[in-house]
Amino acid sequence: MTLAEVKIYLRVDYTEDDDYINSLIEVSQIYIDSMVGEVYKTDTKAVKLSELLQKKLISDMYESRGTEVVSNTKQDRIVNSILDKLSNYIIE
């Protein structure tokens, strides 16, 4: 995932937040891989799902200006279902 792709998704057209957005790209990828492993990366459709999830995570963290999730945050069904799907990939 590139900085340019994420900035388009976030509708950000200035450079002041580039370092912050780059760190969110890295953190979100680490989060996804730590939650589900990396086997999903062998499937093109799964990679597309992970990119959607990554953009969602980045957007949430960017808007809240942090990487913490408060305890009373409602669970997101889309995030959970994509994580479940990605975690079910196996090496064949």
N, C-alpha and C. Protein backbone atom coordinates (compact mmCIF):
# COMPACT_ATOMS: atom_id res chain seq x y z
N MET A 1 0.85 -1.16 0.00
CA MET A 1 0.00 0.00 0.00
C MET A 1 0.90 1.23 0.00
N THR A 2 0.61 2.14 -0.90
CA THR A 2 1.46 3.32 -1.02
C THR A 2 0.84 4.52 -0.31
N LEU A 3 1.69 5.47 -0.01
CA LEU A 3 1.24 6.72 0.59
C LEU A 3 0.22 7.41 -0.32
N ALA A 4 0.49 7.41 -1.62
CA ALA A 4 -0.41 8.07 -2.57
C ALA A 4 -1.80 7.43 -2.55
N GLU A 5 -1.87 6.10 -2.52
CA GLU A 5 -3.16 5.41 -2.48
C GLU A 5 -3.94 5.77 -1.22
N VAL A 6 -3.25 5.79 -0.11
CA VAL A 6 -3.91 6.09 1.16
C VAL A 6 -4.38 7.53 1.20
N LYS A 7 -3.57 8.45 0.70
CA LYS A 7 -3.97 9.85 0.71
C LYS A 7 -5.20 10.08 -0.17
N ILE A 8 -5.29 9.38 -1.27
CA ILE A 8 -6.50 9.47 -2.11
C ILE A 8 -7.70 8.96 -1.32
N TYR A 9 -7.52 7.81 -0.65
CA TYR A 9 -8.61 7.22 0.13
C TYR A 9 -9.05 8.16 1.25
N LEU A 10 -8.08 8.78 1.91
CA LEU A 10 -8.39 9.69 3.02
C LEU A 10 -8.81 11.08 2.54
N ARG A 11 -8.63 11.34 1.27
CA ARG A 11 -8.90 12.66 0.68
C ARG A 11 -8.02 13.74 1.31
N VAL A 12 -6.74 13.39 1.42
CA VAL A 12 -5.74 14.31 1.96
C VAL A 12 -4.87 14.76 0.81
N ASP A 13 -4.75 16.07 0.62
CA ASP A 13 -3.95 16.57 -0.49
C ASP A 13 -2.80 17.47 -0.05
N TYR A 14 -2.42 17.37 1.21
CA TYR A 14 -1.29 18.14 1.73
C TYR A 14 -0.23 17.16 2.25
N THR A 15 0.95 17.64 2.50
CA THR A 15 2.07 16.77 2.86
C THR A 15 2.41 16.76 4.35
N GLU A 16 1.81 17.63 5.12
CA GLU A 16 2.16 17.74 6.54
C GLU A 16 1.97 16.43 7.31
N ASP A 17 1.03 15.60 6.91
CA ASP A 17 0.75 14.35 7.63
C ASP A 17 1.39 13.12 6.99
N ASP A 18 2.25 13.31 6.00
CA ASP A 18 2.81 12.17 5.27
C ASP A 18 3.55 11.18 6.19
N ASP A 19 4.37 11.69 7.09
CA ASP A 19 5.09 10.79 8.00
C ASP A 19 4.11 10.01 8.88
N TYR A 20 3.11 10.69 9.38
CA TYR A 20 2.10 10.05 10.22
C TYR A 20 1.34 8.98 9.43
N ILE A 21 0.93 9.31 8.23
CA ILE A 21 0.20 8.35 7.40
C ILE A 21 1.08 7.15 7.06
N ASN A 22 2.35 7.39 6.76
CA ASN A 22 3.27 6.27 6.51
C ASN A 22 3.38 5.36 7.72
N SER A 23 3.41 5.92 8.91
CA SER A 23 3.47 5.08 10.10
C SER A 23 2.18 4.29 10.29
N LEU A 24 1.04 4.87 9.93
CA LEU A 24 -0.23 4.16 10.01
C LEU A 24 -0.29 3.02 9.00
N ILE A 25 0.29 3.22 7.83
CA ILE A 25 0.37 2.16 6.83
C ILE A 25 1.15 0.98 7.40
N GLU A 26 2.29 1.28 8.00
CA GLU A 26 3.13 0.23 8.57
C GLU A 26 2.44 -0.49 9.73
N VAL A 27 1.87 0.27 10.64
CA VAL A 27 1.21 -0.31 11.82
C VAL A 27 0.01 -1.16 11.41
N SER A 28 -0.76 -0.69 10.46
CA SER A 28 -1.95 -1.44 10.04
C SER A 28 -1.56 -2.76 9.37
N GLN A 29 -0.48 -2.76 8.59
CA GLN A 29 -0.02 -4.00 7.95
C GLN A 29 0.49 -4.97 9.00
N ILE A 30 1.23 -4.48 9.97
CA ILE A 30 1.71 -5.33 11.06
C ILE A 30 0.53 -5.91 11.82
N TYR A 31 -0.47 -5.10 12.08
CA TYR A 31 -1.66 -5.57 12.80
C TYR A 31 -2.35 -6.69 12.05
N ILE A 32 -2.61 -6.49 10.77
CA ILE A 32 -3.30 -7.51 9.98
C ILE A 32 -2.48 -8.80 9.96
N ASP A 33 -1.20 -8.70 9.67
CA ASP A 33 -0.36 -9.90 9.59
C ASP A 33 -0.25 -10.60 10.94
N SER A 34 -0.21 -9.85 12.03
CA SER A 34 -0.12 -10.48 13.35
C SER A 34 -1.43 -11.14 13.75
N MET A 35 -2.53 -10.64 13.23
CA MET A 35 -3.84 -11.22 13.56
C MET A 35 -4.14 -12.47 12.74
N VAL A 36 -3.70 -12.50 11.48
CA VAL A 36 -4.13 -13.59 10.59
C VAL A 36 -2.98 -14.37 9.96
N GLY A 37 -1.75 -13.95 10.15
CA GLY A 37 -0.63 -14.59 9.46
C GLY A 37 -0.45 -13.96 8.09
N GLU A 38 0.38 -14.61 7.26
CA GLU A 38 0.66 -14.03 5.95
C GLU A 38 0.30 -14.96 4.79
N VAL A 39 -0.32 -16.08 5.08
CA VAL A 39 -0.68 -17.04 4.03
C VAL A 39 -1.65 -16.42 3.03
N TYR A 40 -2.51 -15.54 3.48
CA TYR A 40 -3.50 -14.92 2.60
C TYR A 40 -2.85 -14.19 1.42
N LYS A 41 -1.59 -13.79 1.58
CA LYS A 41 -0.91 -13.02 0.53
C LYS A 41 -0.67 -13.82 -0.74
N THR A 42 -0.94 -15.10 -0.72
CA THR A 42 -0.79 -15.94 -1.90
C THR A 42 -2.05 -15.92 -2.78
N ASP A 43 -3.11 -15.30 -2.31
CA ASP A 43 -4.37 -15.26 -3.05
C ASP A 43 -4.72 -13.81 -3.40
N THR A 44 -4.89 -13.55 -4.68
CA THR A 44 -5.15 -12.18 -5.17
C THR A 44 -6.39 -11.57 -4.54
N LYS A 45 -7.46 -12.34 -4.44
CA LYS A 45 -8.70 -11.82 -3.86
C LYS A 45 -8.53 -11.50 -2.38
N ALA A 46 -7.79 -12.34 -1.68
CA ALA A 46 -7.55 -12.10 -0.26
C ALA A 46 -6.71 -10.84 -0.06
N VAL A 47 -5.76 -10.62 -0.94
CA VAL A 47 -4.94 -9.41 -0.86
C VAL A 47 -5.81 -8.18 -1.05
N LYS A 48 -6.76 -8.23 -1.96
CA LYS A 48 -7.68 -7.10 -2.16
C LYS A 48 -8.51 -6.85 -0.90
N LEU A 49 -8.98 -7.92 -0.27
CA LEU A 49 -9.71 -7.77 0.98
C LEU A 49 -8.83 -7.14 2.06
N SER A 50 -7.59 -7.59 2.13
CA SER A 50 -6.69 -7.05 3.15
C SER A 50 -6.40 -5.57 2.89
N GLU A 51 -6.34 -5.17 1.63
CA GLU A 51 -6.11 -3.76 1.31
C GLU A 51 -7.31 -2.90 1.73
N LEU A 52 -8.51 -3.43 1.54
CA LEU A 52 -9.70 -2.72 1.99
C LEU A 52 -9.68 -2.59 3.51
N LEU A 53 -9.35 -3.67 4.20
CA LEU A 53 -9.27 -3.65 5.64
C LEU A 53 -8.20 -2.66 6.10
N GLN A 54 -7.06 -2.69 5.44
CA GLN A 54 -5.97 -1.80 5.82
C GLN A 54 -6.39 -0.34 5.67
N LYS A 55 -7.08 0.00 4.59
CA LYS A 55 -7.55 1.37 4.40
C LYS A 55 -8.54 1.77 5.50
N LYS A 56 -9.41 0.84 5.86
CA LYS A 56 -10.38 1.09 6.93
C LYS A 56 -9.67 1.35 8.25
N LEU A 57 -8.70 0.52 8.57
CA LEU A 57 -7.95 0.69 9.81
C LEU A 57 -7.20 2.03 9.82
N ILE A 58 -6.55 2.33 8.70
CA ILE A 58 -5.81 3.59 8.60
C ILE A 58 -6.75 4.77 8.76
N SER A 59 -7.89 4.71 8.11
CA SER A 59 -8.86 5.79 8.21
C SER A 59 -9.32 5.99 9.65
N ASP A 60 -9.64 4.90 10.33
CA ASP A 60 -10.07 4.99 11.73
C ASP A 60 -8.98 5.59 12.61
N MET A 61 -7.73 5.14 12.43
CA MET A 61 -6.64 5.65 13.24
C MET A 61 -6.32 7.11 12.90
N TYR A 62 -6.43 7.45 11.62
CA TYR A 62 -6.16 8.82 11.19
C TYR A 62 -7.18 9.79 11.78
N GLU A 63 -8.43 9.39 11.72
CA GLU A 63 -9.50 10.26 12.23
C GLU A 63 -9.41 10.45 13.74
N SER A 64 -9.02 9.38 14.46
CA SER A 64 -8.95 9.49 15.92
C SER A 64 -7.58 9.96 16.39
N ARG A 65 -6.62 10.08 15.45
CA ARG A 65 -5.25 10.51 15.75
C ARG A 65 -4.59 9.62 16.80
N GLY A 66 -4.80 8.31 16.65
CA GLY A 66 -4.15 7.39 17.57
C GLY A 66 -4.31 5.97 17.12
N THR A 67 -3.64 5.08 17.83
CA THR A 67 -3.73 3.65 17.51
C THR A 67 -4.46 2.88 18.59
N GLU A 68 -5.01 3.57 19.57
CA GLU A 68 -5.74 2.89 20.64
C GLU A 68 -7.21 2.78 20.28
N VAL A 69 -7.80 1.69 20.76
CA VAL A 69 -9.24 1.49 20.60
C VAL A 69 -9.83 1.51 22.00
N VAL A 70 -10.71 2.46 22.26
CA VAL A 70 -11.29 2.55 23.59
C VAL A 70 -12.18 1.34 23.86
N SER A 71 -12.30 0.96 25.11
CA SER A 71 -12.98 -0.29 25.47
C SER A 71 -14.47 -0.29 25.11
N ASN A 72 -15.10 0.87 25.03
CA ASN A 72 -16.53 0.89 24.71
C ASN A 72 -16.81 1.03 23.22
N THR A 73 -15.78 0.88 22.38
CA THR A 73 -15.96 0.96 20.93
C THR A 73 -16.74 -0.25 20.44
N LYS A 74 -17.75 0.01 19.62
CA LYS A 74 -18.56 -1.07 19.06
C LYS A 74 -17.72 -1.86 18.06
N GLN A 75 -17.84 -3.19 18.11
CA GLN A 75 -17.09 -4.03 17.18
C GLN A 75 -17.63 -3.84 15.77
N ASP A 76 -16.74 -3.77 14.81
CA ASP A 76 -17.09 -3.56 13.42
C ASP A 76 -17.22 -4.91 12.73
N ARG A 77 -18.40 -5.22 12.24
CA ARG A 77 -18.66 -6.52 11.60
C ARG A 77 -17.82 -6.73 10.35
N ILE A 78 -17.63 -5.69 9.56
CA ILE A 78 -16.85 -5.83 8.33
C ILE A 78 -15.40 -6.16 8.68
N VAL A 79 -14.83 -5.44 9.63
CA VAL A 79 -13.45 -5.72 10.05
C VAL A 79 -13.34 -7.15 10.54
N ASN A 80 -14.25 -7.55 11.41
CA ASN A 80 -14.19 -8.91 11.96
C ASN A 80 -14.36 -9.97 10.89
N SER A 81 -15.27 -9.76 9.95
CA SER A 81 -15.49 -10.77 8.92
C SER A 81 -14.29 -10.88 7.98
N ILE A 82 -13.66 -9.75 7.65
CA ILE A 82 -12.46 -9.81 6.80
C ILE A 82 -11.32 -10.49 7.53
N LEU A 83 -11.12 -10.17 8.81
CA LEU A 83 -10.08 -10.85 9.59
C LEU A 83 -10.34 -12.35 9.65
N ASP A 84 -11.59 -12.73 9.85
CA ASP A 84 -11.93 -14.17 9.87
C ASP A 84 -11.61 -14.82 8.53
N LYS A 85 -11.99 -14.19 7.46
CA LYS A 85 -11.75 -14.73 6.12
C LYS A 85 -10.25 -14.88 5.85
N LEU A 86 -9.49 -13.85 6.15
CA LEU A 86 -8.05 -13.89 5.90
C LEU A 86 -7.35 -14.95 6.77
N SER A 87 -7.85 -15.15 7.97
CA SER A 87 -7.21 -16.11 8.87
C SER A 87 -7.48 -17.56 8.46
N ASN A 88 -8.43 -17.78 7.57
CA ASN A 88 -8.78 -19.13 7.17
C ASN A 88 -8.02 -19.62 5.94
N TYR A 89 -7.10 -18.82 5.42
CA TYR A 89 -6.30 -19.27 4.28
C TYR A 89 -5.24 -20.23 4.76
N ILE A 90 -5.06 -21.30 3.97
CA ILE A 90 -4.05 -22.31 4.30
C ILE A 90 -3.15 -22.53 3.09
N ILE A 91 -1.96 -23.02 3.36
CA ILE A 91 -1.03 -23.34 2.29
C ILE A 91 -1.46 -24.65 1.66
N GLU A 92 -1.62 -24.65 0.36
CA GLU A 92 -2.04 -25.88 -0.33
C GLU A 92 -0.88 -26.53 -1.05
